[in-house]
């Protein structure tokens, strides 16, 4: 049995054990799922090497690498935070419209393709990050670049909730 007592906060277990000093401190990103989904392909484009290192560590630890892989995980978090900061500084309006559309449409990307195209163009022009879908067939046009799209909302008729 553990020597310390767990603290519960409205059915959430808070582990009060401090992390080892060898693990660098990183502030949490503080974004909900919609902004993270909106930026996910750009995070993957810039942070792919860090993510690969983290996943390699987790694989080599055979499911027991929570603390052992924390350093690599913190690198992924730090990189993702820089991508979100850069998008917020350079493409805030397009980013906000896209993630609000995702938030209002059950996180379904196809509902927000037009706004996604505007965000992709802005991020490519200003940050040189390109959306690439992992595992997409090489001989097919990716879904977000097809000339004929099924749009559930047009940009002109899209209204943000009040």
Protein backbone atom coordinates (compact mmCIF):
# COMPACT_ATOMS: atom_id res chain seq x y z
CA UNK A 1 0.00 0.00 0.00
CA UNK A 2 1.19 3.50 -0.80
CA UNK A 3 2.59 5.74 1.92
CA UNK A 4 0.82 8.82 0.61
CA UNK A 5 -2.90 9.36 0.36
CA UNK A 6 -4.42 10.22 -3.04
CA UNK A 7 -6.40 13.43 -3.32
CA UNK A 8 -9.65 13.44 -5.25
CA UNK A 9 -11.09 16.52 -6.89
CA UNK A 10 -14.58 15.84 -8.25
CA UNK A 11 -13.72 12.26 -9.24
CA UNK A 12 -10.33 13.22 -10.74
CA UNK A 13 -7.26 11.67 -9.19
CA UNK A 14 -4.49 14.23 -8.67
CA UNK A 15 -1.09 12.63 -8.33
CA UNK A 16 0.98 14.86 -6.07
CA UNK A 17 4.27 13.05 -6.69
CA UNK A 18 6.78 15.51 -8.17
CA UNK A 19 8.51 14.53 -11.38
CA UNK A 20 12.24 13.81 -11.28
CA UNK A 21 14.57 16.77 -11.85
CA UNK A 22 15.92 15.08 -15.00
CA UNK A 23 12.59 15.72 -16.75
CA UNK A 24 12.35 19.29 -18.05
CA UNK A 25 9.32 21.32 -16.99
CA UNK A 26 6.94 22.26 -19.81
CA UNK A 27 3.75 24.31 -19.44
CA UNK A 28 0.60 22.64 -20.70
CA UNK A 29 -0.69 23.74 -24.08
CA UNK A 30 -4.12 24.63 -22.72
CA UNK A 31 -6.05 24.11 -25.96
CA UNK A 32 -9.25 22.14 -26.40
CA UNK A 33 -9.69 19.42 -29.00
CA UNK A 34 -10.97 21.69 -31.80
CA UNK A 35 -7.86 23.93 -32.05
CA UNK A 36 -5.61 20.88 -31.70
CA UNK A 37 -7.46 19.08 -34.50
CA UNK A 38 -7.32 22.19 -36.67
CA UNK A 39 -3.55 22.48 -36.20
CA UNK A 40 -2.80 18.76 -36.03
CA UNK A 41 -1.44 18.34 -39.56
CA UNK A 42 0.84 21.35 -39.13
CA UNK A 43 2.02 20.04 -35.76
CA UNK A 44 2.77 16.75 -37.51
CA UNK A 45 4.66 18.53 -40.29
CA UNK A 46 6.96 20.41 -37.91
CA UNK A 47 7.15 18.00 -34.97
CA UNK A 48 7.27 14.66 -36.77
CA UNK A 49 10.84 13.84 -35.73
CA UNK A 50 10.10 14.51 -32.04
CA UNK A 51 6.93 12.46 -32.23
CA UNK A 52 8.80 9.57 -33.87
CA UNK A 53 11.40 9.63 -31.06
CA UNK A 54 8.62 9.57 -28.47
CA UNK A 55 6.80 6.69 -30.14
CA UNK A 56 10.05 4.75 -30.52
CA UNK A 57 10.72 5.19 -26.79
CA UNK A 58 7.20 4.02 -25.93
CA UNK A 59 7.54 0.99 -28.20
CA UNK A 60 10.92 0.01 -26.78
CA UNK A 61 9.58 0.36 -23.22
CA UNK A 62 6.86 -2.24 -23.96
CA UNK A 63 4.08 -0.18 -22.38
CA UNK A 64 6.01 0.76 -19.25
CA UNK A 65 7.63 3.98 -20.45
CA UNK A 66 5.52 6.65 -18.76
CA UNK A 67 8.39 8.19 -16.81
CA UNK A 68 11.19 6.90 -19.03
CA UNK A 69 9.73 8.60 -22.12
CA UNK A 70 8.63 11.80 -20.39
CA UNK A 71 11.62 13.75 -21.72
CA UNK A 72 10.72 12.88 -25.32
CA UNK A 73 7.06 13.60 -24.61
CA UNK A 74 7.93 17.03 -23.31
CA UNK A 75 9.83 17.77 -26.53
CA UNK A 76 6.67 16.94 -28.50
CA UNK A 77 4.60 19.23 -26.25
CA UNK A 78 7.12 22.07 -26.55
CA UNK A 79 7.19 21.74 -30.34
CA UNK A 80 3.37 21.63 -30.60
CA UNK A 81 3.18 24.78 -28.46
CA UNK A 82 5.51 26.61 -30.85
CA UNK A 83 3.36 25.60 -33.83
CA UNK A 84 0.20 26.86 -32.13
CA UNK A 85 1.95 30.11 -31.16
CA UNK A 86 3.13 30.65 -34.75
CA UNK A 87 -0.33 29.94 -36.18
CA UNK A 88 -1.90 32.32 -33.65
CA UNK A 89 0.59 35.07 -34.52
CA UNK A 90 0.35 34.71 -38.30
CA UNK A 91 -3.06 33.23 -39.18
CA UNK A 92 -5.26 33.91 -36.15
CA UNK A 93 -8.43 34.84 -38.03
CA UNK A 94 -8.36 31.81 -40.36
CA UNK A 95 -7.34 29.49 -37.52
CA UNK A 96 -10.11 30.71 -35.22
CA UNK A 97 -12.78 30.40 -37.92
CA UNK A 98 -11.66 26.85 -38.75
CA UNK A 99 -11.52 25.50 -35.22
CA UNK A 100 -14.82 27.16 -34.31
CA UNK A 101 -16.37 25.47 -37.35
CA UNK A 102 -14.95 22.14 -36.17
CA UNK A 103 -16.24 22.79 -32.66
CA UNK A 104 -19.71 23.54 -33.98
CA UNK A 105 -19.78 20.56 -36.36
CA UNK A 106 -18.83 17.67 -34.10
CA UNK A 107 -15.14 17.77 -35.10
CA UNK A 108 -15.96 16.59 -38.62
CA UNK A 109 -13.41 18.00 -41.07
CA UNK A 110 -15.61 17.68 -44.15
CA UNK A 111 -18.02 20.29 -42.78
CA UNK A 112 -15.25 22.88 -42.73
CA UNK A 113 -13.28 22.27 -45.95
CA UNK A 114 -13.60 25.83 -47.29
CA UNK A 115 -12.34 27.35 -44.05
CA UNK A 116 -9.66 24.66 -43.96
CA UNK A 117 -8.47 25.70 -47.43
CA UNK A 118 -8.12 29.30 -46.26
CA UNK A 119 -6.17 28.18 -43.18
CA UNK A 120 -3.95 25.84 -45.20
CA UNK A 121 -3.10 28.63 -47.66
CA UNK A 122 -2.28 31.08 -44.87
CA UNK A 123 -0.12 28.62 -42.95
CA UNK A 124 1.73 27.60 -46.11
CA UNK A 125 2.31 31.21 -47.20
CA UNK A 126 3.47 32.47 -43.83
CA UNK A 127 4.97 29.42 -42.07
CA UNK A 128 5.84 27.16 -45.03
CA UNK A 129 4.04 24.23 -43.37
CA UNK A 130 2.01 22.02 -45.69
CA UNK A 131 -0.82 19.69 -44.76
CA UNK A 132 0.02 16.09 -45.65
CA UNK A 133 -2.28 13.24 -44.70
CA UNK A 134 -0.26 10.25 -43.45
CA UNK A 135 -1.05 7.04 -45.28
CA UNK A 136 -2.85 8.75 -48.16
CA UNK A 137 -2.36 6.93 -51.48
CA UNK A 138 0.44 8.50 -53.54
CA UNK A 139 -1.42 8.27 -56.86
CA UNK A 140 -4.58 10.03 -55.61
CA UNK A 141 -5.27 13.69 -54.93
CA UNK A 142 -5.65 14.22 -51.17
CA UNK A 143 -9.21 14.90 -50.08
CA UNK A 144 -8.49 18.49 -49.03
CA UNK A 145 -7.01 19.34 -52.47
CA UNK A 146 -9.70 17.88 -54.73
CA UNK A 147 -11.29 20.28 -57.17
CA UNK A 148 -14.80 19.01 -56.46
CA UNK A 149 -15.60 19.18 -52.78
CA UNK A 150 -18.74 18.51 -50.83
CA UNK A 151 -19.13 21.56 -48.64
CA UNK A 152 -21.65 21.63 -45.89
CA UNK A 153 -21.14 25.38 -45.36
CA UNK A 154 -20.08 28.05 -47.78
CA UNK A 155 -17.75 30.78 -46.55
CA UNK A 156 -20.25 33.50 -47.35
CA UNK A 157 -23.08 31.79 -45.48
CA UNK A 158 -20.97 30.67 -42.52
CA UNK A 159 -22.00 32.52 -39.40
CA UNK A 160 -20.23 32.26 -36.09
CA UNK A 161 -22.50 31.56 -33.14
CA UNK A 162 -23.26 34.54 -30.98
